[in-house]
Amino acid sequence: MAMSIKLKQYLDQHNIPFDTVHHSYAEGATQSAIASHVPLAQMAKAVILERDDGKSVMAVLPAADTVDFQRLNYLIHSQVQLAKEGVLARWFDDCDPGAIPALGEAYALDTLVDDDVLGMADIYMESGDHRDLIHMKGDDFRRLASRWQHGQFSVKPDPWSRVERM
């Protein structure tokens, strides 16, 4: 599968310049960053969550981080959990499993963005397949994210973890 059609249409509609970075097959945002020689500190990932009312939302955070559910629940005044695989397939039917672009609005999903992502000068993310990343300037990403809810809801990895040493 190639770049998500919905993602391409969304970026074109909003006049967002971007380029793609091709890499060898890799699964997951961290592995994609490594395969494409992109600094992990500039890689954003999407995590799909389900709120207690059944509504799906996307959380965008740095690729090496994890979601702090307690902070996120407080931020959105709702309880969330990771979405099940069937939910992902329904929302991202033009993407390979596990290659979800970090732009929920392109898929009509409410999107929350971690403040650390908003501080990135350049942002890389999955394109919808396991062989290409999307790269855009941080200013362009911030323009897209200007209406999204944001806050600090990610947790940095343990400094002794394998991800941090890569």
Protein backbone atom coordinates (compact mmCIF):
# COMPACT_ATOMS: atom_id res chain seq x y z
CA MET A 1 0.00 0.00 0.00
CA ALA A 2 1.23 3.53 -0.70
CA MET A 3 0.63 6.83 1.07
CA SER A 4 -2.88 7.15 2.47
CA ILE A 5 -5.23 8.78 -0.06
CA LYS A 6 -7.15 10.53 2.73
CA LEU A 7 -3.90 11.92 4.13
CA LYS A 8 -2.75 13.21 0.73
CA GLN A 9 -6.13 14.87 0.09
CA TYR A 10 -6.09 16.45 3.55
CA LEU A 11 -2.58 17.90 3.14
CA ASP A 12 -3.39 19.19 -0.36
CA GLN A 13 -6.68 20.72 0.82
CA HIS A 14 -4.85 22.62 3.56
CA ASN A 15 -1.95 23.62 1.28
CA ILE A 16 0.63 21.92 3.48
CA PRO A 17 3.97 21.34 1.80
CA PHE A 18 5.50 17.98 2.64
CA ASP A 19 7.97 15.50 1.35
CA THR A 20 8.26 11.77 1.78
CA VAL A 21 11.18 9.80 3.14
CA HIS A 22 11.43 6.28 1.76
CA HIS A 23 12.94 3.57 3.94
CA SER A 24 13.20 -0.18 4.18
CA TYR A 25 10.18 -2.00 5.58
CA ALA A 26 9.67 -1.17 9.25
CA GLU A 27 6.76 -1.53 11.64
CA GLY A 28 6.05 1.14 14.24
CA ALA A 29 7.05 4.77 14.45
CA THR A 30 10.29 4.11 16.33
CA GLN A 31 11.50 1.47 13.89
CA SER A 32 10.46 3.65 10.92
CA ALA A 33 12.51 6.55 12.30
CA ILE A 34 15.53 4.27 12.68
CA ALA A 35 15.11 2.76 9.19
CA SER A 36 14.87 6.21 7.59
CA HIS A 37 17.69 7.78 9.64
CA VAL A 38 15.30 10.36 11.11
CA PRO A 39 15.99 11.66 14.62
CA LEU A 40 13.59 9.93 16.98
CA ALA A 41 13.06 13.30 18.70
CA GLN A 42 11.35 14.55 15.50
CA MET A 43 9.06 11.56 15.00
CA ALA A 44 5.39 11.77 16.00
CA LYS A 45 3.11 8.77 16.44
CA ALA A 46 -0.62 8.31 16.61
CA VAL A 47 -2.36 6.34 19.33
CA ILE A 48 -6.06 5.61 18.84
CA LEU A 49 -8.15 5.61 21.98
CA GLU A 50 -11.76 5.00 22.88
CA ARG A 51 -13.46 7.25 25.41
CA ASP A 52 -15.92 5.91 27.96
CA ASP A 53 -18.77 7.17 25.75
CA GLY A 54 -17.54 4.93 22.89
CA LYS A 55 -16.15 7.76 20.76
CA SER A 56 -12.72 7.23 19.16
CA VAL A 57 -10.01 9.89 19.43
CA MET A 58 -6.41 10.17 18.25
CA ALA A 59 -3.59 11.17 20.57
CA VAL A 60 -0.42 12.44 18.88
CA LEU A 61 2.78 12.23 20.89
CA PRO A 62 6.54 11.82 20.42
CA ALA A 63 7.31 8.38 18.99
CA ALA A 64 9.49 7.22 21.89
CA ASP A 65 6.97 8.28 24.55
CA THR A 66 3.99 6.49 26.05
CA VAL A 67 0.58 7.87 26.98
CA ASP A 68 0.12 8.92 30.59
CA PHE A 69 -3.53 7.84 30.86
CA GLN A 70 -4.08 9.63 34.16
CA ARG A 71 -2.99 12.99 32.70
CA LEU A 72 -4.90 12.42 29.46
CA ASN A 73 -8.10 11.44 31.29
CA TYR A 74 -7.82 14.61 33.38
CA LEU A 75 -7.18 16.74 30.28
CA ILE A 76 -10.22 15.53 28.36
CA HIS A 77 -12.50 14.88 31.38
CA SER A 78 -13.15 11.32 30.23
CA GLN A 79 -11.77 7.83 30.71
CA VAL A 80 -9.89 6.43 27.71
CA GLN A 81 -8.41 3.09 26.76
CA LEU A 82 -6.52 1.79 23.76
CA ALA A 83 -8.81 1.11 20.80
CA LYS A 84 -9.23 -2.44 19.60
CA GLU A 85 -7.84 -3.58 16.23
CA GLY A 86 -11.30 -3.66 14.63
CA VAL A 87 -11.76 0.04 15.37
CA LEU A 88 -8.43 0.84 13.71
CA ALA A 89 -9.34 -1.03 10.54
CA ARG A 90 -12.62 0.88 10.32
CA TRP A 91 -11.03 4.34 10.59
CA PHE A 92 -7.86 3.65 8.59
CA ASP A 93 -9.07 1.53 5.70
CA ASP A 94 -6.54 3.12 3.32
CA CYS A 95 -3.56 2.41 5.59
CA ASP A 96 -1.51 -0.67 6.33
CA PRO A 97 -2.17 -1.97 9.86
CA GLY A 98 0.11 -0.16 12.29
CA ALA A 99 1.08 2.66 9.89
CA ILE A 100 -1.36 5.32 11.07
CA PRO A 101 -0.56 8.95 10.17
CA ALA A 102 -0.57 11.37 13.12
CA LEU A 103 -3.24 13.64 11.61
CA GLY A 104 -6.59 12.46 12.93
CA GLU A 105 -8.50 15.27 11.28
CA ALA A 106 -7.77 13.66 7.90
CA TYR A 107 -9.89 10.72 9.10
CA ALA A 108 -12.62 12.78 10.84
CA LEU A 109 -11.21 11.89 14.27
CA ASP A 110 -10.99 14.33 17.16
CA THR A 111 -7.28 14.78 17.78
CA LEU A 112 -5.31 15.61 20.91
CA VAL A 113 -1.69 16.64 20.58
CA ASP A 114 1.03 16.51 23.19
CA ASP A 115 2.80 19.82 23.79
CA ASP A 116 6.18 18.20 23.06
CA VAL A 117 5.08 17.54 19.46
CA LEU A 118 3.99 21.17 19.10
CA GLY A 119 7.53 22.18 20.00
CA MET A 120 9.20 20.17 17.22
CA ALA A 121 10.93 22.17 14.43
CA ASP A 122 10.38 19.36 11.91
CA ILE A 123 7.90 16.53 12.19
CA TYR A 124 7.99 13.08 10.65
CA MET A 125 5.11 10.62 10.80
CA GLU A 126 3.80 7.44 9.22
CA SER A 127 2.29 7.93 5.76
CA GLY A 128 -0.10 4.99 5.84
CA ASP A 129 2.37 2.33 4.72
CA HIS A 130 5.47 0.70 6.21
CA ARG A 131 7.97 2.13 3.72
CA ASP A 132 7.45 5.91 3.71
CA LEU A 133 7.32 8.75 6.20
CA ILE A 134 5.78 12.17 5.75
CA HIS A 135 7.97 15.14 6.66
CA MET A 136 6.65 18.64 7.26
CA LYS A 137 7.84 21.78 8.97
CA GLY A 138 6.71 22.23 12.55
CA ASP A 139 5.03 25.54 11.66
CA ASP A 140 2.84 23.76 9.11
CA PHE A 141 1.93 21.05 11.62
CA ARG A 142 1.09 23.69 14.25
CA ARG A 143 -1.17 25.42 11.73
CA LEU A 144 -3.08 22.14 11.25
CA ALA A 145 -3.15 21.51 15.01
CA SER A 146 -4.29 25.00 16.00
CA ARG A 147 -7.86 23.80 16.69
CA TRP A 148 -6.91 20.55 18.42
CA GLN A 149 -6.91 20.11 22.15
CA HIS A 150 -3.38 19.97 23.52
CA GLY A 151 -1.55 19.41 26.76
CA GLN A 152 1.22 17.41 28.38
CA PHE A 153 0.14 13.74 28.44
CA SER A 154 3.18 11.77 27.35
CA VAL A 155 5.81 10.05 29.44
CA LYS A 156 9.44 9.86 28.39
CA PRO A 157 11.03 6.39 28.36
CA ASP A 158 13.33 5.24 31.09
CA PRO A 159 16.80 6.62 30.21
CA TRP A 160 18.19 3.10 30.42
CA SER A 161 15.67 1.64 28.02
CA ARG A 162 16.68 0.29 24.63
CA VAL A 163 14.66 2.95 22.74
CA GLU A 164 16.54 5.79 24.41
CA ARG A 165 19.92 4.33 23.38
CA MET A 166 19.03 4.03 19.68
